[in-house]
C-alpha atoms as a PDB file:
ATOM      1  CA  MET A   1       0.000   0.000   0.000  1.00  0.00           C
ATOM      2  CA  VAL A   2       1.246   3.477  -0.854  1.00  0.00           C
ATOM      3  CA  THR A   3       1.718   5.850   2.034  1.00  0.00           C
ATOM      4  CA  PRO A   4       0.248   9.355   1.824  1.00  0.00           C
ATOM      5  CA  LYS A   5       3.756  10.857   1.861  1.00  0.00           C
ATOM      6  CA  ALA A   6       4.830   8.740  -1.124  1.00  0.00           C
ATOM      7  CA  ARG A   7       1.603   9.535  -2.965  1.00  0.00           C
ATOM      8  CA  ALA A   8       2.114  13.286  -2.493  1.00  0.00           C
ATOM      9  CA  SER A   9       5.731  13.006  -3.606  1.00  0.00           C
ATOM     10  CA  SER A  10       4.708  11.064  -6.687  1.00  0.00           C
ATOM     11  CA  ARG A  11       2.054  13.632  -7.567  1.00  0.00           C
ATOM     12  CA  LYS A  12       4.523  16.497  -7.178  1.00  0.00           C
ATOM     13  CA  GLN A  13       7.060  14.701  -9.375  1.00  0.00           C
ATOM     14  CA  GLY A  14       4.392  14.183 -12.032  1.00  0.00           C
ATOM     15  CA  GLN A  15       3.530  17.879 -11.955  1.00  0.00           C
ATOM     16  CA  ARG A  16       7.211  18.824 -12.284  1.00  0.00           C
ATOM     17  CA  LEU A  17       7.665  16.506 -15.264  1.00  0.00           C
ATOM     18  CA  LYS A  18       4.533  17.845 -16.930  1.00  0.00           C
ATOM     19  CA  GLU A  19       5.790  21.410 -16.520  1.00  0.00           C
ATOM     20  CA  LEU A  20       9.218  20.460 -17.922  1.00  0.00           C
ATOM     21  CA  GLU A  21       7.582  18.858 -20.958  1.00  0.00           C
ATOM     22  CA  ARG A  22       5.476  21.949 -21.530  1.00  0.00           C
ATOM     23  CA  ALA A  23       8.521  24.227 -21.239  1.00  0.00           C
ATOM     24  CA  GLN A  24      10.447  22.061 -23.706  1.00  0.00           C
ATOM     25  CA  ARG A  25       7.533  22.073 -26.150  1.00  0.00           C
ATOM     26  CA  MET A  26       7.287  25.878 -25.945  1.00  0.00           C
ATOM     27  CA  LEU A  27      11.050  26.242 -26.411  1.00  0.00           C
ATOM     28  CA  ASN A  28      10.959  24.007 -29.488  1.00  0.00           C
ATOM     29  CA  ALA A  29       8.040  26.006 -30.860  1.00  0.00           C
ATOM     30  CA  LYS A  30       9.993  29.246 -30.467  1.00  0.00           C
ATOM     31  CA  LYS A  31      13.161  27.716 -31.901  1.00  0.00           C
ATOM     32  CA  ASN A  32      11.497  26.148 -34.937  1.00  0.00           C
ATOM     33  CA  GLY A  33       9.064  28.983 -35.521  1.00  0.00           C
ATOM     34  CA  LYS A  34       6.103  26.619 -35.400  1.00  0.00           C
ATOM     35  CA  PRO A  35       3.022  27.636 -33.417  1.00  0.00           C
ATOM     36  CA  ALA A  36       2.237  25.698 -30.226  1.00  0.00           C
ATOM     37  CA  ILE A  37      -1.323  25.107 -31.467  1.00  0.00           C
ATOM     38  CA  PRO A  38      -1.500  23.997 -35.115  1.00  0.00           C
ATOM     39  CA  ASP A  39      -3.579  26.059 -37.560  1.00  0.00           C
ATOM     40  CA  LYS A  40      -5.761  23.029 -38.259  1.00  0.00           C
ATOM     41  CA  ILE A  41      -6.827  22.914 -34.593  1.00  0.00           C
ATOM     42  CA  LEU A  42      -7.444  26.674 -34.479  1.00  0.00           C
ATOM     43  CA  ARG A  43      -9.665  26.464 -37.571  1.00  0.00           C
ATOM     44  CA  ARG A  44     -11.672  23.644 -35.965  1.00  0.00           C
ATOM     45  CA  LEU A  45     -12.128  25.697 -32.798  1.00  0.00           C
ATOM     46  CA  ALA A  46     -13.307  28.680 -34.833  1.00  0.00           C
ATOM     47  CA  SER A  47     -15.792  26.534 -36.741  1.00  0.00           C
ATOM     48  CA  LEU A  48     -17.378  25.322 -33.482  1.00  0.00           C
ATOM     49  CA  ASN A  49     -18.697  28.846 -32.713  1.00  0.00           C
ATOM     50  CA  LEU A  50     -18.104  28.371 -28.997  1.00  0.00           C
ATOM     51  CA  PRO A  51     -19.623  30.708 -26.414  1.00  0.00           C
ATOM     52  CA  PRO A  52     -17.224  33.215 -24.803  1.00  0.00           C
ATOM     53  CA  ASN A  53     -16.489  30.911 -21.887  1.00  0.00           C
ATOM     54  CA  GLU A  54     -12.862  30.037 -21.090  1.00  0.00           C
ATOM     55  CA  PHE A  55     -13.755  26.673 -19.529  1.00  0.00           C
ATOM     56  CA  VAL A  56     -15.606  25.501 -22.659  1.00  0.00           C
ATOM     57  CA  TYR A  57     -12.796  26.754 -24.903  1.00  0.00           C
ATOM     58  CA  GLN A  58     -10.100  24.954 -22.858  1.00  0.00           C
ATOM     59  CA  ALA A  59     -12.094  21.727 -22.753  1.00  0.00           C
ATOM     60  CA  CYS A  60     -12.601  21.723 -26.522  1.00  0.00           C
ATOM     61  CA  LEU A  61      -8.963  22.665 -27.143  1.00  0.00           C
ATOM     62  CA  GLU A  62      -7.731  19.781 -24.969  1.00  0.00           C
ATOM     63  CA  LYS A  63     -10.007  17.295 -26.764  1.00  0.00           C
ATOM     64  CA  LEU A  64      -8.836  18.490 -30.186  1.00  0.00           C
ATOM     65  CA  LEU A  65      -5.161  18.416 -29.195  1.00  0.00           C
ATOM     66  CA  ARG A  66      -5.527  14.949 -27.711  1.00  0.00           C
ATOM     67  CA  GLY A  67      -7.133  13.679 -30.901  1.00  0.00           C
ATOM     68  CA  ALA A  68      -4.567  15.351 -33.173  1.00  0.00           C
END
């Protein structure tokens, strides 16, 4: 059984790794001149005519990026 201390440590490590991956992805995007969100995904988001709600926008963006 995992102790609460180990579980918290594991979660923090996962968050650190996720942030490092994001930073690396952003650095590569700046270096290569490619946008972080592809134009294809942005066009799909625009075609959905979403309401001006950040939560809805983020949810749809995550789904599209996951499927891309």
